[in-house]
Amino acid sequence: MRTVLVGVLVVSASLCAATKPRAWQTGTVIETDHAREPEPVAAPSTNVTVVNVPPGGNPYPSAAAASAPNMTFHRRAATWQGFHLEGNGYRFMVMCPVRRNHTPNVTVNGPVKYAMEKGKFYLLDDDGKEWEMTVLEKLLLPAPVPLLLPK
């Protein structure tokens, strides 16, 4: 029994040691914007009204559901919050899905912490909450040109 307990402790300690903290960098929020997904259009050959089909969902109902005419399928429309950030010589355009009253709290032209790991973008907002975002664009900024004054 004691060896099992020691084994469990060793495994849990190794799992805790495997997770490393994120390499946070400081950047600046340039601008923010939000957008709602457009309403999907039902196929004209069906007699079933399809409203707000989930991403990756089937816009055509099953055979049992299709036998009942004029059915309506609803879901909440997704709202996306987009951000333009600059930091470490790059400009990022990122976005994440948000719900009402659950958006990242950031200040435009203010500092923000971010991290990129294995193609995923993480943003730490002003409240200290971590948000995982989708990178839409990563732009390398040109190097600053030194100003030469005449002698």
C-alpha atoms as a PDB file:
ATOM      1  CA  MET A   1       0.000   0.000   0.000  1.00  0.00           C
ATOM      2  CA  ARG A   2       2.813   2.344   0.844  1.00  0.00           C
ATOM      3  CA  THR A   3       4.571   1.756  -2.496  1.00  0.00           C
ATOM      4  CA  VAL A   4       1.349   2.553  -4.356  1.00  0.00           C
ATOM      5  CA  LEU A   5       1.026   5.836  -2.459  1.00  0.00           C
ATOM      6  CA  VAL A   6       4.654   6.733  -3.204  1.00  0.00           C
ATOM      7  CA  GLY A   7       4.111   5.879  -6.881  1.00  0.00           C
ATOM      8  CA  VAL A   8       1.047   8.120  -7.069  1.00  0.00           C
ATOM      9  CA  LEU A   9       2.964  10.980  -5.449  1.00  0.00           C
ATOM     10  CA  VAL A  10       5.872  10.605  -7.891  1.00  0.00           C
ATOM     11  CA  VAL A  11       3.560  10.589 -10.916  1.00  0.00           C
ATOM     12  CA  SER A  12       1.597  13.631  -9.706  1.00  0.00           C
ATOM     13  CA  ALA A  13       4.827  15.522  -8.954  1.00  0.00           C
ATOM     14  CA  SER A  14       6.160  14.795 -12.445  1.00  0.00           C
ATOM     15  CA  LEU A  15       2.909  16.027 -14.023  1.00  0.00           C
ATOM     16  CA  CYS A  16       3.074  19.264 -12.013  1.00  0.00           C
ATOM     17  CA  ALA A  17       6.714  19.760 -13.022  1.00  0.00           C
ATOM     18  CA  ALA A  18       5.850  19.259 -16.718  1.00  0.00           C
ATOM     19  CA  THR A  19       3.599  22.321 -16.815  1.00  0.00           C
ATOM     20  CA  LYS A  20       5.738  25.422 -17.137  1.00  0.00           C
ATOM     21  CA  PRO A  21       4.554  28.998 -16.788  1.00  0.00           C
ATOM     22  CA  ARG A  22       3.894  30.986 -19.927  1.00  0.00           C
ATOM     23  CA  ALA A  23       6.566  33.347 -21.259  1.00  0.00           C
ATOM     24  CA  TRP A  24       4.523  36.558 -20.958  1.00  0.00           C
ATOM     25  CA  GLN A  25       5.576  39.539 -23.047  1.00  0.00           C
ATOM     26  CA  THR A  26       4.339  43.114 -22.831  1.00  0.00           C
ATOM     27  CA  GLY A  27       2.604  44.725 -25.782  1.00  0.00           C
ATOM     28  CA  THR A  28       0.214  47.564 -26.569  1.00  0.00           C
ATOM     29  CA  VAL A  29      -3.444  47.321 -27.583  1.00  0.00           C
ATOM     30  CA  ILE A  30      -3.822  49.390 -30.761  1.00  0.00           C
ATOM     31  CA  GLU A  31      -7.565  48.945 -31.350  1.00  0.00           C
ATOM     32  CA  THR A  32     -10.485  46.605 -30.654  1.00  0.00           C
ATOM     33  CA  ASP A  33     -13.597  45.693 -32.595  1.00  0.00           C
ATOM     34  CA  HIS A  34     -16.415  43.182 -32.419  1.00  0.00           C
ATOM     35  CA  ALA A  35     -18.607  41.443 -34.968  1.00  0.00           C
ATOM     36  CA  ARG A  36     -21.555  39.067 -34.967  1.00  0.00           C
ATOM     37  CA  GLU A  37     -21.740  36.009 -37.191  1.00  0.00           C
ATOM     38  CA  PRO A  38     -24.086  36.465 -40.150  1.00  0.00           C
ATOM     39  CA  GLU A  39     -27.382  34.599 -40.114  1.00  0.00           C
ATOM     40  CA  PRO A  40     -27.157  31.369 -42.146  1.00  0.00           C
ATOM     41  CA  VAL A  41     -29.603  30.921 -45.012  1.00  0.00           C
ATOM     42  CA  ALA A  42     -31.808  27.823 -45.215  1.00  0.00           C
ATOM     43  CA  ALA A  43     -31.506  25.617 -48.266  1.00  0.00           C
ATOM     44  CA  PRO A  44     -34.279  26.532 -50.765  1.00  0.00           C
ATOM     45  CA  SER A  45     -35.195  22.887 -51.488  1.00  0.00           C
ATOM     46  CA  THR A  46     -36.251  22.044 -47.913  1.00  0.00           C
ATOM     47  CA  ASN A  47     -39.420  22.873 -46.057  1.00  0.00           C
ATOM     48  CA  VAL A  48     -37.559  23.264 -42.759  1.00  0.00           C
ATOM     49  CA  THR A  49     -36.463  26.676 -41.522  1.00  0.00           C
ATOM     50  CA  VAL A  50     -32.877  26.590 -40.288  1.00  0.00           C
ATOM     51  CA  VAL A  51     -31.824  29.482 -38.084  1.00  0.00           C
ATOM     52  CA  ASN A  52     -28.298  29.968 -36.716  1.00  0.00           C
ATOM     53  CA  VAL A  53     -26.714  26.622 -37.492  1.00  0.00           C
ATOM     54  CA  PRO A  54     -23.770  25.999 -35.119  1.00  0.00           C
ATOM     55  CA  PRO A  55     -20.297  25.986 -36.687  1.00  0.00           C
ATOM     56  CA  GLY A  56     -19.622  22.511 -38.004  1.00  0.00           C
ATOM     57  CA  GLY A  57     -23.275  21.601 -37.426  1.00  0.00           C
ATOM     58  CA  ASN A  58     -25.599  19.936 -39.906  1.00  0.00           C
ATOM     59  CA  PRO A  59     -27.831  22.525 -41.612  1.00  0.00           C
ATOM     60  CA  TYR A  60     -30.148  19.726 -42.754  1.00  0.00           C
ATOM     61  CA  PRO A  61     -32.078  17.955 -39.992  1.00  0.00           C
ATOM     62  CA  SER A  62     -32.345  14.192 -39.663  1.00  0.00           C
ATOM     63  CA  ALA A  63     -34.989  12.260 -41.582  1.00  0.00           C
ATOM     64  CA  ALA A  64     -37.244  12.118 -38.499  1.00  0.00           C
ATOM     65  CA  ALA A  65     -37.035  15.863 -37.995  1.00  0.00           C
ATOM     66  CA  ALA A  66     -37.529  16.539 -41.721  1.00  0.00           C
ATOM     67  CA  SER A  67     -40.867  14.706 -41.655  1.00  0.00           C
ATOM     68  CA  ALA A  68     -42.267  17.438 -39.375  1.00  0.00           C
ATOM     69  CA  PRO A  69     -42.663  20.515 -41.605  1.00  0.00           C
ATOM     70  CA  ASN A  70     -41.768  24.063 -40.626  1.00  0.00           C
ATOM     71  CA  MET A  71     -39.432  23.215 -37.757  1.00  0.00           C
ATOM     72  CA  THR A  72     -37.090  25.931 -36.561  1.00  0.00           C
ATOM     73  CA  PHE A  73     -33.677  25.338 -35.018  1.00  0.00           C
ATOM     74  CA  HIS A  74     -32.194  28.150 -32.911  1.00  0.00           C
ATOM     75  CA  ARG A  75     -28.865  28.875 -31.269  1.00  0.00           C
ATOM     76  CA  ARG A  76     -27.301  31.965 -29.808  1.00  0.00           C
ATOM     77  CA  ALA A  77     -25.512  34.095 -32.362  1.00  0.00           C
ATOM     78  CA  ALA A  78     -21.771  34.173 -31.668  1.00  0.00           C
ATOM     79  CA  THR A  79     -20.066  37.501 -31.168  1.00  0.00           C
ATOM     80  CA  TRP A  80     -16.337  37.797 -31.848  1.00  0.00           C
ATOM     81  CA  GLN A  81     -14.063  40.344 -30.191  1.00  0.00           C
ATOM     82  CA  GLY A  82     -11.024  41.329 -32.272  1.00  0.00           C
ATOM     83  CA  PHE A  83      -7.808  43.013 -31.170  1.00  0.00           C
ATOM     84  CA  HIS A  84      -4.810  44.641 -32.876  1.00  0.00           C
ATOM     85  CA  LEU A  85      -1.734  44.351 -30.643  1.00  0.00           C
ATOM     86  CA  GLU A  86       1.863  45.451 -31.075  1.00  0.00           C
ATOM     87  CA  GLY A  87       4.766  43.981 -29.199  1.00  0.00           C
ATOM     88  CA  ASN A  88       8.292  42.634 -29.631  1.00  0.00           C
ATOM     89  CA  GLY A  89       8.550  43.912 -33.223  1.00  0.00           C
ATOM     90  CA  TYR A  90       5.290  42.291 -34.377  1.00  0.00           C
ATOM     91  CA  ARG A  91       1.718  43.405 -34.929  1.00  0.00           C
ATOM     92  CA  PHE A  92      -0.936  40.782 -34.201  1.00  0.00           C
ATOM     93  CA  MET A  93      -4.559  40.630 -35.251  1.00  0.00           C
ATOM     94  CA  VAL A  94      -6.313  38.185 -32.913  1.00  0.00           C
ATOM     95  CA  MET A  95      -9.902  37.356 -32.038  1.00  0.00           C
ATOM     96  CA  CYS A  96     -11.931  35.288 -29.595  1.00  0.00           C
ATOM     97  CA  PRO A  97     -15.601  34.383 -29.210  1.00  0.00           C
ATOM     98  CA  VAL A  98     -17.293  36.275 -26.377  1.00  0.00           C
ATOM     99  CA  ARG A  99     -20.629  36.338 -24.622  1.00  0.00           C
ATOM    100  CA  ARG A 100     -22.470  39.335 -23.243  1.00  0.00           C
ATOM    101  CA  ASN A 101     -20.649  40.750 -20.201  1.00  0.00           C
ATOM    102  CA  HIS A 102     -17.791  38.265 -20.697  1.00  0.00           C
ATOM    103  CA  THR A 103     -15.251  40.140 -22.799  1.00  0.00           C
ATOM    104  CA  PRO A 104     -11.548  40.750 -22.204  1.00  0.00           C
ATOM    105  CA  ASN A 105     -11.040  43.905 -20.153  1.00  0.00           C
ATOM    106  CA  VAL A 106      -8.276  45.783 -21.988  1.00  0.00           C
ATOM    107  CA  THR A 107      -7.432  49.454 -22.452  1.00  0.00           C
ATOM    108  CA  VAL A 108      -6.829  50.829 -25.951  1.00  0.00           C
ATOM    109  CA  ASN A 109      -3.308  52.311 -26.178  1.00  0.00           C
ATOM    110  CA  GLY A 110      -2.583  50.625 -22.866  1.00  0.00           C
ATOM    111  CA  PRO A 111      -0.177  47.828 -21.951  1.00  0.00           C
ATOM    112  CA  VAL A 112      -1.227  44.195 -22.100  1.00  0.00           C
ATOM    113  CA  LYS A 113       0.561  40.898 -21.488  1.00  0.00           C
ATOM    114  CA  TYR A 114       0.487  38.204 -24.141  1.00  0.00           C
ATOM    115  CA  ALA A 115       2.146  34.878 -24.905  1.00  0.00           C
ATOM    116  CA  MET A 116       2.399  32.646 -27.964  1.00  0.00           C
ATOM    117  CA  GLU A 117       2.967  28.935 -27.494  1.00  0.00           C
ATOM    118  CA  LYS A 118       2.758  26.303 -30.222  1.00  0.00           C
ATOM    119  CA  GLY A 119       0.660  28.504 -32.503  1.00  0.00           C
ATOM    120  CA  LYS A 120      -1.800  29.517 -29.785  1.00  0.00           C
ATOM    121  CA  PHE A 121      -2.133  33.100 -28.580  1.00  0.00           C
ATOM    122  CA  TYR A 122      -2.907  33.918 -24.949  1.00  0.00           C
ATOM    123  CA  LEU A 123      -3.869  37.360 -23.646  1.00  0.00           C
ATOM    124  CA  LEU A 124      -3.844  38.428 -19.998  1.00  0.00           C
ATOM    125  CA  ASP A 125      -6.400  41.222 -19.543  1.00  0.00           C
ATOM    126  CA  ASP A 126      -6.400  44.054 -16.984  1.00  0.00           C
ATOM    127  CA  ASP A 127      -8.293  41.862 -14.486  1.00  0.00           C
ATOM    128  CA  GLY A 128      -5.659  39.092 -14.721  1.00  0.00           C
ATOM    129  CA  LYS A 129      -7.934  36.696 -16.633  1.00  0.00           C
ATOM    130  CA  GLU A 130      -6.281  34.605 -19.340  1.00  0.00           C
ATOM    131  CA  TRP A 131      -7.980  34.404 -22.763  1.00  0.00           C
ATOM    132  CA  GLU A 132      -7.063  31.962 -25.544  1.00  0.00           C
ATOM    133  CA  MET A 133      -7.371  33.616 -28.942  1.00  0.00           C
ATOM    134  CA  THR A 134      -7.152  32.788 -32.625  1.00  0.00           C
ATOM    135  CA  VAL A 135      -4.365  34.509 -34.585  1.00  0.00           C
ATOM    136  CA  LEU A 136      -5.669  35.980 -37.832  1.00  0.00           C
ATOM    137  CA  GLU A 137      -2.509  37.827 -38.829  1.00  0.00           C
ATOM    138  CA  LYS A 138       1.062  38.178 -37.569  1.00  0.00           C
ATOM    139  CA  LEU A 139       2.972  41.045 -39.191  1.00  0.00           C
ATOM    140  CA  LEU A 140       6.677  41.779 -38.765  1.00  0.00           C
ATOM    141  CA  LEU A 141       7.112  45.499 -38.230  1.00  0.00           C
ATOM    142  CA  PRO A 142       9.942  47.267 -40.087  1.00  0.00           C
ATOM    143  CA  ALA A 143      13.025  48.095 -38.046  1.00  0.00           C
ATOM    144  CA  PRO A 144      13.184  51.736 -36.950  1.00  0.00           C
ATOM    145  CA  VAL A 145      15.451  53.890 -39.093  1.00  0.00           C
ATOM    146  CA  PRO A 146      17.943  55.890 -37.019  1.00  0.00           C
ATOM    147  CA  LEU A 147      17.651  59.619 -37.414  1.00  0.00           C
ATOM    148  CA  LEU A 148      20.872  61.150 -38.766  1.00  0.00           C
ATOM    149  CA  LEU A 149      21.395  64.755 -37.824  1.00  0.00           C
ATOM    150  CA  PRO A 150      23.732  66.983 -39.896  1.00  0.00           C
ATOM    151  CA  LYS A 151      27.001  67.932 -38.200  1.00  0.00           C
END
